[in-house]
Amino acid sequence: FSRDGAQIANIELAMSRGPWTAAAEGTIAVVTNVFSGNLPAPDGTLPSGAKARGTYLGTGAYVEVMRFLTDDHRPYVKDRPGYGRVVPTRPFSWAKGDDSRWCFDKGAWEVGVRYDYVDLTHGGVNGGTSHGVTTALNWYLTSNARVQANLSWMTRAFNPNDTSGRLAGDFTGFGLRFNADY
């Protein structure tokens, strides 16, 4: 792709207020002396199939919003900066009480949605563009354990004049994860 380095600029905004959390981020990458097909030989000659493409520019961004369904929140730590650990006001528990009845505490529940965009097509490089939407359901059992479920849909497209070896289309995926850390 290039023997030169890349210059990357990034901006991020994040907030947490009550049950709401929101974040957005944008990135731009500039790479000089880009080649497709192969890199030049050490003596500077171009191997067969290699094409000089000049300067390449790639961009990407996302925006996400999440909300707790329970009386919980995600702290924002200004000193770091970043989000702190979610500590459920009522950690998950399932036990018999003193009266022999089963008692249940639900933990913290959060829903969210995220939009992603990336454009990797510029200056003769046809990396494609992609749009995606993800919905999320997070269950924080305790401050150290959570279950996450995500349903994602993405679409990918390429410059219609250069689709050789590339497949445009949609992708839908479901992910379920249990996370514990101490």
C-alpha atoms as a PDB file:
ATOM      1  CA  PHE A   1       0.000   0.000   0.000  1.00  0.00           C
ATOM      2  CA  SER A   2       2.646   2.566   1.017  1.00  0.00           C
ATOM      3  CA  ARG A   3       6.082   2.641   2.580  1.00  0.00           C
ATOM      4  CA  ASP A   4       5.348   6.106   3.947  1.00  0.00           C
ATOM      5  CA  GLY A   5       3.585   6.676   7.217  1.00  0.00           C
ATOM      6  CA  ALA A   6       0.020   7.781   7.709  1.00  0.00           C
ATOM      7  CA  GLN A   7      -1.220  10.975   9.268  1.00  0.00           C
ATOM      8  CA  ILE A   8      -4.334  10.373  11.349  1.00  0.00           C
ATOM      9  CA  ALA A   9      -6.635  12.980  12.892  1.00  0.00           C
ATOM     10  CA  ASN A  10      -9.392  12.029  15.288  1.00  0.00           C
ATOM     11  CA  ILE A  11     -12.039  13.857  17.280  1.00  0.00           C
ATOM     12  CA  GLU A  12     -14.290  12.321  19.915  1.00  0.00           C
ATOM     13  CA  LEU A  13     -17.173  13.700  21.942  1.00  0.00           C
ATOM     14  CA  ALA A  14     -18.698  11.808  24.871  1.00  0.00           C
ATOM     15  CA  MET A  15     -21.205  12.576  27.581  1.00  0.00           C
ATOM     16  CA  SER A  16     -23.054  10.915  30.391  1.00  0.00           C
ATOM     17  CA  ARG A  17     -26.080  12.500  32.045  1.00  0.00           C
ATOM     18  CA  GLY A  18     -28.477  10.611  34.280  1.00  0.00           C
ATOM     19  CA  PRO A  19     -29.562   7.406  32.509  1.00  0.00           C
ATOM     20  CA  TRP A  20     -28.260   8.676  29.124  1.00  0.00           C
ATOM     21  CA  THR A  21     -24.873   8.094  27.515  1.00  0.00           C
ATOM     22  CA  ALA A  22     -23.905   9.449  24.095  1.00  0.00           C
ATOM     23  CA  ALA A  23     -20.706   9.452  22.064  1.00  0.00           C
ATOM     24  CA  ALA A  24     -19.541  10.381  18.584  1.00  0.00           C
ATOM     25  CA  GLU A  25     -16.167  10.040  16.886  1.00  0.00           C
ATOM     26  CA  GLY A  26     -14.721  10.923  13.511  1.00  0.00           C
ATOM     27  CA  THR A  27     -11.388   9.914  11.984  1.00  0.00           C
ATOM     28  CA  ILE A  28      -9.532  10.912   8.850  1.00  0.00           C
ATOM     29  CA  ALA A  29      -6.372   9.157   7.613  1.00  0.00           C
ATOM     30  CA  VAL A  30      -4.015  10.539   4.960  1.00  0.00           C
ATOM     31  CA  VAL A  31      -1.394   8.260   3.400  1.00  0.00           C
ATOM     32  CA  THR A  32       1.087   9.580   0.826  1.00  0.00           C
ATOM     33  CA  ASN A  33       2.715   7.692  -2.062  1.00  0.00           C
ATOM     34  CA  VAL A  34       0.060   4.990  -2.228  1.00  0.00           C
ATOM     35  CA  PHE A  35       0.290   2.068  -4.646  1.00  0.00           C
ATOM     36  CA  SER A  36      -2.200  -0.646  -5.519  1.00  0.00           C
ATOM     37  CA  GLY A  37      -1.338  -4.126  -6.738  1.00  0.00           C
ATOM     38  CA  ASN A  38       2.170  -4.094  -5.268  1.00  0.00           C
ATOM     39  CA  LEU A  39       4.829  -1.793  -3.812  1.00  0.00           C
ATOM     40  CA  PRO A  40       7.746  -0.487  -5.896  1.00  0.00           C
ATOM     41  CA  ALA A  41      10.946  -2.507  -5.963  1.00  0.00           C
ATOM     42  CA  PRO A  42      13.884  -1.194  -3.864  1.00  0.00           C
ATOM     43  CA  ASP A  43      15.310   0.429  -7.014  1.00  0.00           C
ATOM     44  CA  GLY A  44      12.014   2.320  -7.547  1.00  0.00           C
ATOM     45  CA  THR A  45      10.719   0.331 -10.522  1.00  0.00           C
ATOM     46  CA  LEU A  46       7.094  -0.736 -10.502  1.00  0.00           C
ATOM     47  CA  PRO A  47       6.401  -4.478 -10.682  1.00  0.00           C
ATOM     48  CA  SER A  48       3.777  -5.709 -13.113  1.00  0.00           C
ATOM     49  CA  GLY A  49       0.269  -4.756 -11.973  1.00  0.00           C
ATOM     50  CA  ALA A  50       1.422  -2.028  -9.559  1.00  0.00           C
ATOM     51  CA  LYS A  51      -0.120   1.417  -9.990  1.00  0.00           C
ATOM     52  CA  ALA A  52       0.836   4.665  -8.315  1.00  0.00           C
ATOM     53  CA  ARG A  53      -2.259   6.222  -6.716  1.00  0.00           C
ATOM     54  CA  GLY A  54      -0.848   9.368  -5.095  1.00  0.00           C
ATOM     55  CA  THR A  55      -2.287  10.472  -1.762  1.00  0.00           C
ATOM     56  CA  TYR A  56      -5.030   8.379  -0.175  1.00  0.00           C
ATOM     57  CA  LEU A  57      -7.705   9.723   2.160  1.00  0.00           C
ATOM     58  CA  GLY A  58      -9.882   7.437   4.307  1.00  0.00           C
ATOM     59  CA  THR A  59     -12.658   8.592   6.630  1.00  0.00           C
ATOM     60  CA  GLY A  60     -14.889   7.032   9.236  1.00  0.00           C
ATOM     61  CA  ALA A  61     -17.300   8.028  11.984  1.00  0.00           C
ATOM     62  CA  TYR A  62     -19.829   6.715  14.473  1.00  0.00           C
ATOM     63  CA  VAL A  63     -22.503   8.092  16.758  1.00  0.00           C
ATOM     64  CA  GLU A  64     -24.155   6.156  19.568  1.00  0.00           C
ATOM     65  CA  VAL A  65     -26.818   6.735  22.225  1.00  0.00           C
ATOM     66  CA  MET A  66     -27.550   4.472  25.185  1.00  0.00           C
ATOM     67  CA  ARG A  67     -30.077   4.641  27.998  1.00  0.00           C
ATOM     68  CA  PHE A  68     -30.495   2.707  31.219  1.00  0.00           C
ATOM     69  CA  LEU A  69     -33.933   1.221  31.752  1.00  0.00           C
ATOM     70  CA  THR A  70     -33.233   0.876  35.463  1.00  0.00           C
ATOM     71  CA  ASP A  71     -32.275   3.560  37.984  1.00  0.00           C
ATOM     72  CA  ASP A  72     -28.586   3.398  37.033  1.00  0.00           C
ATOM     73  CA  HIS A  73     -26.007   5.503  35.206  1.00  0.00           C
ATOM     74  CA  ARG A  74     -22.583   5.301  33.582  1.00  0.00           C
ATOM     75  CA  PRO A  75     -20.120   7.690  35.250  1.00  0.00           C
ATOM     76  CA  TYR A  76     -17.748   9.785  33.163  1.00  0.00           C
ATOM     77  CA  VAL A  77     -14.261  10.165  34.664  1.00  0.00           C
ATOM     78  CA  LYS A  78     -12.812  13.551  33.651  1.00  0.00           C
ATOM     79  CA  ASP A  79      -9.323  12.783  35.026  1.00  0.00           C
ATOM     80  CA  ARG A  80      -8.788   9.872  32.626  1.00  0.00           C
ATOM     81  CA  PRO A  81     -10.926  10.871  30.442  1.00  0.00           C
ATOM     82  CA  GLY A  82     -13.386   8.091  29.791  1.00  0.00           C
ATOM     83  CA  TYR A  83     -16.292   6.175  31.227  1.00  0.00           C
ATOM     84  CA  GLY A  84     -16.153   4.618  34.647  1.00  0.00           C
ATOM     85  CA  ARG A  85     -17.475   1.249  35.719  1.00  0.00           C
ATOM     86  CA  VAL A  86     -21.242   0.751  35.897  1.00  0.00           C
ATOM     87  CA  VAL A  87     -22.206  -0.191  39.448  1.00  0.00           C
ATOM     88  CA  PRO A  88     -25.835  -1.399  39.544  1.00  0.00           C
ATOM     89  CA  THR A  89     -27.913   0.190  42.292  1.00  0.00           C
ATOM     90  CA  ARG A  90     -29.498  -3.246  42.811  1.00  0.00           C
ATOM     91  CA  PRO A  91     -26.976  -5.963  41.789  1.00  0.00           C
ATOM     92  CA  PHE A  92     -28.456  -9.173  40.440  1.00  0.00           C
ATOM     93  CA  SER A  93     -29.297 -11.728  43.101  1.00  0.00           C
ATOM     94  CA  TRP A  94     -31.625 -14.688  43.420  1.00  0.00           C
ATOM     95  CA  ALA A  95     -31.944 -16.085  46.915  1.00  0.00           C
ATOM     96  CA  LYS A  96     -34.406 -17.203  49.548  1.00  0.00           C
ATOM     97  CA  GLY A  97     -35.277 -14.512  52.041  1.00  0.00           C
ATOM     98  CA  ASP A  98     -35.793 -14.901  55.781  1.00  0.00           C
ATOM     99  CA  ASP A  99     -39.445 -15.774  55.144  1.00  0.00           C
ATOM    100  CA  SER A 100     -38.427 -18.612  52.742  1.00  0.00           C
ATOM    101  CA  ARG A 101     -39.739 -16.674  49.733  1.00  0.00           C
ATOM    102  CA  TRP A 102     -37.509 -16.201  46.698  1.00  0.00           C
ATOM    103  CA  CYS A 103     -36.083 -12.694  46.390  1.00  0.00           C
ATOM    104  CA  PHE A 104     -34.849 -11.264  43.104  1.00  0.00           C
ATOM    105  CA  ASP A 105     -32.838  -8.135  42.258  1.00  0.00           C
ATOM    106  CA  LYS A 106     -32.505  -7.361  38.571  1.00  0.00           C
ATOM    107  CA  GLY A 107     -29.138  -5.651  38.118  1.00  0.00           C
ATOM    108  CA  ALA A 108     -28.863  -2.771  35.630  1.00  0.00           C
ATOM    109  CA  TRP A 109     -30.415  -2.913  32.135  1.00  0.00           C
ATOM    110  CA  GLU A 110     -29.345  -0.692  29.244  1.00  0.00           C
ATOM    111  CA  VAL A 111     -30.427  -0.345  25.596  1.00  0.00           C
ATOM    112  CA  GLY A 112     -28.571   1.455  22.838  1.00  0.00           C
ATOM    113  CA  VAL A 113     -28.239   2.171  19.151  1.00  0.00           C
ATOM    114  CA  ARG A 114     -25.159   3.018  17.074  1.00  0.00           C
ATOM    115  CA  TYR A 115     -24.601   4.214  13.498  1.00  0.00           C
ATOM    116  CA  ASP A 116     -21.237   3.610  11.765  1.00  0.00           C
ATOM    117  CA  TYR A 117     -19.861   4.966   8.489  1.00  0.00           C
ATOM    118  CA  VAL A 118     -16.556   4.347   6.723  1.00  0.00           C
ATOM    119  CA  ASP A 119     -15.334   5.463   3.298  1.00  0.00           C
ATOM    120  CA  LEU A 120     -12.186   3.731   2.046  1.00  0.00           C
ATOM    121  CA  THR A 121     -12.482   4.825  -1.600  1.00  0.00           C
ATOM    122  CA  HIS A 122     -10.217   7.639  -2.755  1.00  0.00           C
ATOM    123  CA  GLY A 123      -7.636   8.407  -5.415  1.00  0.00           C
ATOM    124  CA  GLY A 124      -8.037   5.185  -7.393  1.00  0.00           C
ATOM    125  CA  VAL A 125      -8.182   2.957  -4.311  1.00  0.00           C
ATOM    126  CA  ASN A 126     -11.608   1.295  -4.212  1.00  0.00           C
ATOM    127  CA  GLY A 127     -11.876   0.115  -0.618  1.00  0.00           C
ATOM    128  CA  GLY A 128     -15.620   0.706  -0.599  1.00  0.00           C
ATOM    129  CA  THR A 129     -18.033   2.491   1.660  1.00  0.00           C
ATOM    130  CA  SER A 130     -19.988   0.976   4.495  1.00  0.00           C
ATOM    131  CA  HIS A 131     -22.934   2.009   6.642  1.00  0.00           C
ATOM    132  CA  GLY A 132     -23.988   0.091   9.731  1.00  0.00           C
ATOM    133  CA  VAL A 133     -26.571   0.148  12.502  1.00  0.00           C
ATOM    134  CA  THR A 134     -26.226  -1.801  15.750  1.00  0.00           C
ATOM    135  CA  THR A 135     -28.787  -2.215  18.504  1.00  0.00           C
ATOM    136  CA  ALA A 136     -27.652  -3.286  21.940  1.00  0.00           C
ATOM    137  CA  LEU A 137     -29.059  -4.747  25.134  1.00  0.00           C
ATOM    138  CA  ASN A 138     -26.699  -4.822  28.121  1.00  0.00           C
ATOM    139  CA  TRP A 139     -27.432  -6.515  31.441  1.00  0.00           C
ATOM    140  CA  TYR A 140     -25.038  -5.568  34.238  1.00  0.00           C
ATOM    141  CA  LEU A 141     -25.420  -8.299  36.828  1.00  0.00           C
ATOM    142  CA  THR A 142     -22.833  -6.717  39.148  1.00  0.00           C
ATOM    143  CA  SER A 143     -20.056  -4.159  38.714  1.00  0.00           C
ATOM    144  CA  ASN A 144     -17.832  -7.031  37.527  1.00  0.00           C
ATOM    145  CA  ALA A 145     -20.147  -9.084  35.310  1.00  0.00           C
ATOM    146  CA  ARG A 146     -22.398  -8.307  32.365  1.00  0.00           C
ATOM    147  CA  VAL A 147     -24.203  -9.937  29.480  1.00  0.00           C
ATOM    148  CA  GLN A 148     -24.224  -8.101  26.146  1.00  0.00           C
ATOM    149  CA  ALA A 149     -26.420  -8.781  23.114  1.00  0.00           C
ATOM    150  CA  ASN A 150     -25.955  -6.947  19.811  1.00  0.00           C
ATOM    151  CA  LEU A 151     -27.841  -7.105  16.543  1.00  0.00           C
ATOM    152  CA  SER A 152     -25.921  -5.453  13.691  1.00  0.00           C
ATOM    153  CA  TRP A 153     -26.727  -4.696  10.078  1.00  0.00           C
ATOM    154  CA  MET A 154     -24.122  -3.389   7.633  1.00  0.00           C
ATOM    155  CA  THR A 155     -24.109  -2.601   3.947  1.00  0.00           C
ATOM    156  CA  ARG A 156     -21.025  -2.324   1.768  1.00  0.00           C
ATOM    157  CA  ALA A 157     -20.746  -0.773  -1.686  1.00  0.00           C
ATOM    158  CA  PHE A 158     -17.943  -0.107  -4.175  1.00  0.00           C
ATOM    159  CA  ASN A 159     -17.314   2.276  -7.036  1.00  0.00           C
ATOM    160  CA  PRO A 160     -19.467   0.781  -9.821  1.00  0.00           C
ATOM    161  CA  ASN A 161     -16.632   1.281 -12.336  1.00  0.00           C
ATOM    162  CA  ASP A 162     -14.233  -0.955 -10.385  1.00  0.00           C
ATOM    163  CA  THR A 163     -15.883  -3.999  -8.773  1.00  0.00           C
ATOM    164  CA  SER A 164     -13.415  -6.657  -9.896  1.00  0.00           C
ATOM    165  CA  GLY A 165     -13.054  -9.225  -7.117  1.00  0.00           C
ATOM    166  CA  ARG A 166     -15.280  -7.270  -4.744  1.00  0.00           C
ATOM    167  CA  LEU A 167     -18.681  -8.189  -3.411  1.00  0.00           C
ATOM    168  CA  ALA A 168     -21.093  -5.487  -2.340  1.00  0.00           C
ATOM    169  CA  GLY A 169     -24.024  -6.386  -0.160  1.00  0.00           C
ATOM    170  CA  ASP A 170     -25.547  -6.517   3.275  1.00  0.00           C
ATOM    171  CA  PHE A 171     -24.522  -8.333   6.413  1.00  0.00           C
ATOM    172  CA  THR A 172     -26.607  -9.042   9.497  1.00  0.00           C
ATOM    173  CA  GLY A 173     -25.071 -10.477  12.631  1.00  0.00           C
ATOM    174  CA  PHE A 174     -26.060 -11.282  16.190  1.00  0.00           C
ATOM    175  CA  GLY A 175     -23.597 -11.406  19.046  1.00  0.00           C
ATOM    176  CA  LEU A 176     -24.019 -12.563  22.631  1.00  0.00           C
ATOM    177  CA  ARG A 177     -21.231 -12.196  25.155  1.00  0.00           C
ATOM    178  CA  PHE A 178     -20.693 -12.731  28.861  1.00  0.00           C
ATOM    179  CA  ASN A 179     -17.958 -10.602  30.376  1.00  0.00           C
ATOM    180  CA  ALA A 180     -16.460 -10.887  33.857  1.00  0.00           C
ATOM    181  CA  ASP A 181     -13.457  -8.951  35.148  1.00  0.00           C
ATOM    182  CA  TYR A 182     -11.894  -8.524  38.554  1.00  0.00           C
END
